[in-house]
Amino acid sequence: MDFLKMFSKNSKSSKNVAKERLKLVLIHDRADISPKFLQMLESDIVRVMSEYVEIDEEGLDVKMTRTKRESDGCSVPALVANIPIIKVKDR
């Protein structure tokens, strides 16, 4: 965490951070996905994408969340990945 961001007005309150963490724990639990499994999935995604692009792994963010399915509006687990791409590799 950036030291100066800790003191900015836009920083999240500890209540909101705790609430977000609890949501993630519940989503992982309901989706029956362990943190170890999520880490393995993240590693596989990075390995495959690294064949085609150079990735900023420090900025990588992979997490489970919930979304509504378009067909019936039912809430389902979703994998969300923010993967900063430095450059596309030449082939």
N, C-alpha and C. Protein backbone atom coordinates (compact mmCIF):
# COMPACT_ATOMS: atom_id res chain seq x y z
N MET A 1 0.85 -1.18 0.00
CA MET A 1 0.00 0.00 0.00
C MET A 1 0.89 1.23 0.00
N ASP A 2 0.55 2.19 -0.83
CA ASP A 2 1.30 3.43 -0.91
C ASP A 2 1.15 4.19 0.41
N PHE A 3 2.25 4.62 0.97
CA PHE A 3 2.25 5.27 2.27
C PHE A 3 1.37 6.52 2.28
N LEU A 4 1.46 7.33 1.24
CA LEU A 4 0.68 8.57 1.20
C LEU A 4 -0.81 8.33 1.03
N LYS A 5 -1.18 7.23 0.39
CA LYS A 5 -2.59 6.92 0.20
C LYS A 5 -3.29 6.63 1.52
N MET A 6 -2.52 6.19 2.52
CA MET A 6 -3.11 5.88 3.81
C MET A 6 -3.74 7.12 4.44
N PHE A 7 -3.22 8.31 4.11
CA PHE A 7 -3.69 9.52 4.72
C PHE A 7 -4.63 10.33 3.84
N SER A 8 -4.90 9.86 2.64
CA SER A 8 -5.77 10.60 1.74
C SER A 8 -7.23 10.45 2.15
N LYS A 9 -8.05 11.42 1.74
CA LYS A 9 -9.46 11.40 2.08
C LYS A 9 -10.19 10.29 1.35
N ASN A 10 -9.65 9.83 0.22
CA ASN A 10 -10.30 8.80 -0.59
C ASN A 10 -10.03 7.39 -0.10
N SER A 11 -9.19 7.24 0.91
CA SER A 11 -8.89 5.90 1.39
C SER A 11 -10.13 5.28 2.03
N LYS A 12 -10.24 3.97 1.92
CA LYS A 12 -11.40 3.27 2.47
C LYS A 12 -11.30 3.21 3.99
N SER A 13 -12.44 3.29 4.64
CA SER A 13 -12.45 3.14 6.08
C SER A 13 -12.23 1.68 6.42
N SER A 14 -11.77 1.43 7.64
CA SER A 14 -11.52 0.04 8.04
C SER A 14 -12.81 -0.76 8.02
N LYS A 15 -13.93 -0.10 8.26
CA LYS A 15 -15.23 -0.78 8.20
C LYS A 15 -15.49 -1.29 6.79
N ASN A 16 -15.25 -0.45 5.79
CA ASN A 16 -15.49 -0.85 4.40
C ASN A 16 -14.52 -1.93 3.94
N VAL A 17 -13.28 -1.83 4.38
CA VAL A 17 -12.28 -2.84 4.03
C VAL A 17 -12.68 -4.18 4.63
N ALA A 18 -13.08 -4.17 5.89
CA ALA A 18 -13.49 -5.42 6.55
C ALA A 18 -14.74 -6.00 5.89
N LYS A 19 -15.66 -5.14 5.51
CA LYS A 19 -16.88 -5.58 4.83
C LYS A 19 -16.54 -6.24 3.50
N GLU A 20 -15.63 -5.64 2.73
CA GLU A 20 -15.22 -6.19 1.44
C GLU A 20 -14.52 -7.54 1.62
N ARG A 21 -13.67 -7.65 2.62
CA ARG A 21 -12.98 -8.91 2.89
C ARG A 21 -13.97 -10.00 3.28
N LEU A 22 -14.95 -9.66 4.10
CA LEU A 22 -15.97 -10.63 4.49
C LEU A 22 -16.77 -11.11 3.27
N LYS A 23 -17.10 -10.19 2.38
CA LYS A 23 -17.80 -10.57 1.15
C LYS A 23 -16.98 -11.59 0.36
N LEU A 24 -15.68 -11.32 0.23
CA LEU A 24 -14.82 -12.22 -0.53
C LEU A 24 -14.74 -13.59 0.13
N VAL A 25 -14.66 -13.62 1.45
CA VAL A 25 -14.62 -14.90 2.17
C VAL A 25 -15.91 -15.68 1.93
N LEU A 26 -17.04 -15.00 2.01
CA LEU A 26 -18.33 -15.67 1.78
C LEU A 26 -18.46 -16.17 0.35
N ILE A 27 -18.00 -15.39 -0.60
CA ILE A 27 -18.06 -15.82 -2.00
C ILE A 27 -17.20 -17.05 -2.21
N HIS A 28 -15.98 -17.03 -1.67
CA HIS A 28 -15.10 -18.20 -1.80
C HIS A 28 -15.75 -19.43 -1.17
N ASP A 29 -16.35 -19.23 -0.01
CA ASP A 29 -16.97 -20.34 0.70
C ASP A 29 -18.16 -20.90 -0.09
N ARG A 30 -19.01 -20.03 -0.58
CA ARG A 30 -20.20 -20.47 -1.31
C ARG A 30 -19.85 -21.08 -2.65
N ALA A 31 -18.77 -20.62 -3.26
CA ALA A 31 -18.34 -21.18 -4.54
C ALA A 31 -17.52 -22.45 -4.33
N ASP A 32 -17.23 -22.77 -3.07
CA ASP A 32 -16.43 -23.94 -2.71
C ASP A 32 -15.06 -23.91 -3.39
N ILE A 33 -14.42 -22.73 -3.34
CA ILE A 33 -13.10 -22.55 -3.93
C ILE A 33 -12.15 -22.11 -2.83
N SER A 34 -11.13 -22.91 -2.61
CA SER A 34 -10.16 -22.59 -1.58
C SER A 34 -9.18 -21.54 -2.09
N PRO A 35 -8.55 -20.79 -1.18
CA PRO A 35 -7.52 -19.83 -1.60
C PRO A 35 -6.39 -20.51 -2.38
N LYS A 36 -6.06 -21.74 -2.01
CA LYS A 36 -5.01 -22.47 -2.72
C LYS A 36 -5.43 -22.73 -4.17
N PHE A 37 -6.69 -23.11 -4.38
CA PHE A 37 -7.20 -23.35 -5.73
C PHE A 37 -7.18 -22.06 -6.55
N LEU A 38 -7.58 -20.96 -5.92
CA LEU A 38 -7.58 -19.67 -6.61
C LEU A 38 -6.16 -19.28 -7.00
N GLN A 39 -5.19 -19.54 -6.14
CA GLN A 39 -3.79 -19.25 -6.44
C GLN A 39 -3.29 -20.10 -7.61
N MET A 40 -3.68 -21.38 -7.64
CA MET A 40 -3.30 -22.25 -8.76
C MET A 40 -3.91 -21.74 -10.06
N LEU A 41 -5.15 -21.33 -10.01
CA LEU A 41 -5.85 -20.79 -11.17
C LEU A 41 -5.14 -19.52 -11.66
N GLU A 42 -4.80 -18.65 -10.74
CA GLU A 42 -4.08 -17.42 -11.08
C GLU A 42 -2.74 -17.74 -11.74
N SER A 43 -2.01 -18.71 -11.21
CA SER A 43 -0.72 -19.10 -11.78
C SER A 43 -0.87 -19.63 -13.20
N ASP A 44 -1.91 -20.42 -13.43
CA ASP A 44 -2.16 -20.95 -14.77
C ASP A 44 -2.52 -19.84 -15.75
N ILE A 45 -3.32 -18.89 -15.32
CA ILE A 45 -3.70 -17.77 -16.18
C ILE A 45 -2.45 -16.98 -16.57
N VAL A 46 -1.60 -16.69 -15.59
CA VAL A 46 -0.36 -15.95 -15.84
C VAL A 46 0.54 -16.72 -16.79
N ARG A 47 0.67 -18.03 -16.57
CA ARG A 47 1.54 -18.86 -17.43
C ARG A 47 1.07 -18.82 -18.88
N VAL A 48 -0.22 -18.99 -19.10
CA VAL A 48 -0.75 -19.02 -20.47
C VAL A 48 -0.65 -17.64 -21.12
N MET A 49 -1.04 -16.61 -20.39
CA MET A 49 -0.99 -15.26 -20.97
C MET A 49 0.44 -14.81 -21.24
N SER A 50 1.39 -15.29 -20.43
CA SER A 50 2.78 -14.91 -20.60
C SER A 50 3.37 -15.42 -21.90
N GLU A 51 2.74 -16.40 -22.51
CA GLU A 51 3.19 -16.87 -23.82
C GLU A 51 2.94 -15.83 -24.90
N TYR A 52 1.96 -14.95 -24.69
CA TYR A 52 1.56 -13.99 -25.71
C TYR A 52 1.85 -12.54 -25.36
N VAL A 53 1.85 -12.22 -24.07
CA VAL A 53 2.06 -10.84 -23.63
C VAL A 53 2.96 -10.81 -22.41
N GLU A 54 3.61 -9.66 -22.21
CA GLU A 54 4.40 -9.45 -21.00
C GLU A 54 3.47 -8.81 -19.97
N ILE A 55 3.41 -9.41 -18.78
CA ILE A 55 2.46 -9.02 -17.75
C ILE A 55 3.18 -8.37 -16.58
N ASP A 56 2.55 -7.33 -16.00
CA ASP A 56 3.03 -6.72 -14.76
C ASP A 56 2.42 -7.53 -13.62
N GLU A 57 3.16 -8.51 -13.11
CA GLU A 57 2.61 -9.42 -12.10
C GLU A 57 2.35 -8.73 -10.76
N GLU A 58 3.04 -7.62 -10.48
CA GLU A 58 2.78 -6.90 -9.23
C GLU A 58 1.41 -6.24 -9.24
N GLY A 59 0.92 -5.87 -10.41
CA GLY A 59 -0.37 -5.23 -10.52
C GLY A 59 -1.51 -6.20 -10.75
N LEU A 60 -1.18 -7.48 -10.81
CA LEU A 60 -2.16 -8.53 -11.08
C LEU A 60 -3.14 -8.67 -9.92
N ASP A 61 -4.42 -8.76 -10.25
CA ASP A 61 -5.45 -8.91 -9.23
C ASP A 61 -6.50 -9.89 -9.74
N VAL A 62 -6.57 -11.06 -9.13
CA VAL A 62 -7.55 -12.08 -9.50
C VAL A 62 -8.38 -12.39 -8.26
N LYS A 63 -9.72 -12.30 -8.41
CA LYS A 63 -10.57 -12.59 -7.25
C LYS A 63 -11.90 -13.17 -7.70
N MET A 64 -12.57 -13.78 -6.75
CA MET A 64 -13.91 -14.29 -6.98
C MET A 64 -14.91 -13.25 -6.53
N THR A 65 -15.99 -13.12 -7.28
CA THR A 65 -17.06 -12.21 -6.92
C THR A 65 -18.37 -12.86 -7.34
N ARG A 66 -19.45 -12.15 -7.23
CA ARG A 66 -20.74 -12.67 -7.67
C ARG A 66 -21.31 -11.75 -8.74
N THR A 67 -22.01 -12.33 -9.68
CA THR A 67 -22.65 -11.57 -10.74
C THR A 67 -23.99 -12.21 -11.07
N LYS A 68 -24.83 -11.49 -11.73
CA LYS A 68 -26.14 -12.05 -12.13
C LYS A 68 -26.02 -12.62 -13.54
N ARG A 69 -26.51 -13.83 -13.68
CA ARG A 69 -26.53 -14.49 -14.99
C ARG A 69 -27.57 -13.79 -15.86
N GLU A 70 -27.21 -13.52 -17.12
CA GLU A 70 -28.12 -12.79 -18.01
C GLU A 70 -29.39 -13.58 -18.34
N SER A 71 -29.26 -14.89 -18.47
CA SER A 71 -30.40 -15.69 -18.91
C SER A 71 -31.56 -15.70 -17.91
N ASP A 72 -31.24 -15.78 -16.62
CA ASP A 72 -32.32 -15.88 -15.64
C ASP A 72 -32.16 -14.96 -14.42
N GLY A 73 -31.11 -14.12 -14.41
CA GLY A 73 -30.92 -13.19 -13.31
C GLY A 73 -30.44 -13.83 -12.02
N CYS A 74 -30.11 -15.11 -12.06
CA CYS A 74 -29.64 -15.83 -10.88
C CYS A 74 -28.21 -15.38 -10.54
N SER A 75 -27.91 -15.23 -9.26
CA SER A 75 -26.59 -14.84 -8.82
C SER A 75 -25.64 -16.04 -8.86
N VAL A 76 -24.49 -15.85 -9.55
CA VAL A 76 -23.52 -16.94 -9.71
C VAL A 76 -22.11 -16.41 -9.42
N PRO A 77 -21.18 -17.31 -9.02
CA PRO A 77 -19.80 -16.86 -8.81
C PRO A 77 -19.16 -16.48 -10.14
N ALA A 78 -18.26 -15.48 -10.08
CA ALA A 78 -17.54 -15.04 -11.28
C ALA A 78 -16.08 -14.79 -10.91
N LEU A 79 -15.20 -15.13 -11.82
CA LEU A 79 -13.78 -14.86 -11.65
C LEU A 79 -13.48 -13.54 -12.34
N VAL A 80 -12.93 -12.59 -11.59
CA VAL A 80 -12.60 -11.28 -12.14
C VAL A 80 -11.08 -11.14 -12.10
N ALA A 81 -10.49 -10.80 -13.24
CA ALA A 81 -9.03 -10.66 -13.31
C ALA A 81 -8.65 -9.32 -13.92
N ASN A 82 -7.86 -8.56 -13.19
CA ASN A 82 -7.22 -7.35 -13.71
C ASN A 82 -5.79 -7.75 -13.98
N ILE A 83 -5.41 -7.76 -15.25
CA ILE A 83 -4.07 -8.21 -15.64
C ILE A 83 -3.40 -7.10 -16.45
N PRO A 84 -2.54 -6.30 -15.81
CA PRO A 84 -1.86 -5.23 -16.54
C PRO A 84 -0.89 -5.81 -17.58
N ILE A 85 -1.08 -5.41 -18.81
CA ILE A 85 -0.24 -5.89 -19.91
C ILE A 85 0.80 -4.83 -20.23
N ILE A 86 2.07 -5.22 -20.16
CA ILE A 86 3.17 -4.30 -20.46
C ILE A 86 3.32 -4.16 -21.97
N LYS A 87 3.40 -5.30 -22.65
CA LYS A 87 3.48 -5.25 -24.11
C LYS A 87 3.13 -6.62 -24.68
N VAL A 88 2.71 -6.60 -25.94
CA VAL A 88 2.40 -7.82 -26.67
C VAL A 88 3.70 -8.36 -27.25
N LYS A 89 3.92 -9.65 -27.11
CA LYS A 89 5.14 -10.27 -27.61
C LYS A 89 5.04 -10.47 -29.13
N ASP A 90 6.17 -10.31 -29.79
CA ASP A 90 6.20 -10.56 -31.23
C ASP A 90 6.17 -12.05 -31.49
N ARG A 91 5.44 -12.43 -32.50
CA ARG A 91 5.36 -13.85 -32.86
C ARG A 91 5.94 -14.07 -34.21
